[in-house]
Amino acid sequence: MDDFGLFVCGVVVTLIAGMGVITSQVFMGYTKFVKQPREEADAKREAE
């Protein structure tokens, strides 16, 4: 039972850490995208 409990704790910790990494990556990319001026994005779209 101790081994199983340790396994469950490890899985939970890994999931929480993975979620934190993924959300931080998404958040960083999102803020970087939002900080760009909208006019530049529109100009790029019209140029293409």
C-alpha atoms as a PDB file:
ATOM      1  CA  MET A   1       0.000   0.000   0.000  1.00  0.00           C
ATOM      2  CA  ASP A   2       2.922   2.343   0.694  1.00  0.00           C
ATOM      3  CA  ASP A   3       4.282   1.844  -2.821  1.00  0.00           C
ATOM      4  CA  PHE A   4       0.867   2.536  -4.337  1.00  0.00           C
ATOM      5  CA  GLY A   5       0.451   5.683  -2.234  1.00  0.00           C
ATOM      6  CA  LEU A   6       3.871   6.897  -3.324  1.00  0.00           C
ATOM      7  CA  PHE A   7       2.947   6.201  -6.957  1.00  0.00           C
ATOM      8  CA  VAL A   8      -0.305   8.158  -6.655  1.00  0.00           C
ATOM      9  CA  CYS A   9       1.502  11.114  -5.024  1.00  0.00           C
ATOM     10  CA  GLY A  10       4.112  11.100  -7.797  1.00  0.00           C
ATOM     11  CA  VAL A  11       1.453  11.097 -10.518  1.00  0.00           C
ATOM     12  CA  VAL A  12      -0.437  13.953  -8.856  1.00  0.00           C
ATOM     13  CA  VAL A  13       2.717  16.046  -8.425  1.00  0.00           C
ATOM     14  CA  THR A  14       3.732  15.391 -12.036  1.00  0.00           C
ATOM     15  CA  LEU A  15       0.298  16.402 -13.330  1.00  0.00           C
ATOM     16  CA  ILE A  16       0.274  19.607 -11.272  1.00  0.00           C
ATOM     17  CA  ALA A  17       3.802  20.519 -12.408  1.00  0.00           C
ATOM     18  CA  GLY A  18       2.946  19.772 -16.055  1.00  0.00           C
ATOM     19  CA  MET A  19      -0.200  21.869 -15.863  1.00  0.00           C
ATOM     20  CA  GLY A  20       1.798  24.755 -14.374  1.00  0.00           C
ATOM     21  CA  VAL A  21       4.396  24.604 -17.143  1.00  0.00           C
ATOM     22  CA  ILE A  22       1.772  24.430 -19.896  1.00  0.00           C
ATOM     23  CA  THR A  23      -0.329  27.279 -18.489  1.00  0.00           C
ATOM     24  CA  SER A  24       2.735  29.499 -17.976  1.00  0.00           C
ATOM     25  CA  GLN A  25       3.870  28.841 -21.562  1.00  0.00           C
ATOM     26  CA  VAL A  26       0.405  29.694 -22.892  1.00  0.00           C
ATOM     27  CA  PHE A  27       0.190  32.784 -20.679  1.00  0.00           C
ATOM     28  CA  MET A  28       3.618  34.065 -21.751  1.00  0.00           C
ATOM     29  CA  GLY A  29       2.794  33.552 -25.436  1.00  0.00           C
ATOM     30  CA  TYR A  30      -0.603  35.179 -24.945  1.00  0.00           C
ATOM     31  CA  THR A  31       0.795  38.291 -23.259  1.00  0.00           C
ATOM     32  CA  LYS A  32       3.508  38.604 -25.920  1.00  0.00           C
ATOM     33  CA  PHE A  33       0.814  38.469 -28.627  1.00  0.00           C
ATOM     34  CA  VAL A  34      -1.453  40.970 -26.860  1.00  0.00           C
ATOM     35  CA  LYS A  35       1.369  43.475 -26.282  1.00  0.00           C
ATOM     36  CA  GLN A  36       1.863  43.877 -30.039  1.00  0.00           C
ATOM     37  CA  PRO A  37       0.050  46.949 -31.350  1.00  0.00           C
ATOM     38  CA  ARG A  38      -3.127  46.044 -33.194  1.00  0.00           C
ATOM     39  CA  GLU A  39      -2.260  48.366 -36.081  1.00  0.00           C
ATOM     40  CA  GLU A  40       0.877  46.370 -36.889  1.00  0.00           C
ATOM     41  CA  ALA A  41      -1.114  43.135 -36.953  1.00  0.00           C
ATOM     42  CA  ASP A  42      -3.713  44.670 -39.256  1.00  0.00           C
ATOM     43  CA  ALA A  43      -0.989  46.054 -41.554  1.00  0.00           C
ATOM     44  CA  LYS A  44       0.655  42.611 -41.766  1.00  0.00           C
ATOM     45  CA  ARG A  45      -2.711  41.035 -42.603  1.00  0.00           C
ATOM     46  CA  GLU A  46      -3.382  43.572 -45.385  1.00  0.00           C
ATOM     47  CA  ALA A  47       0.155  43.128 -46.810  1.00  0.00           C
ATOM     48  CA  GLU A  48      -0.402  39.373 -47.160  1.00  0.00           C
END
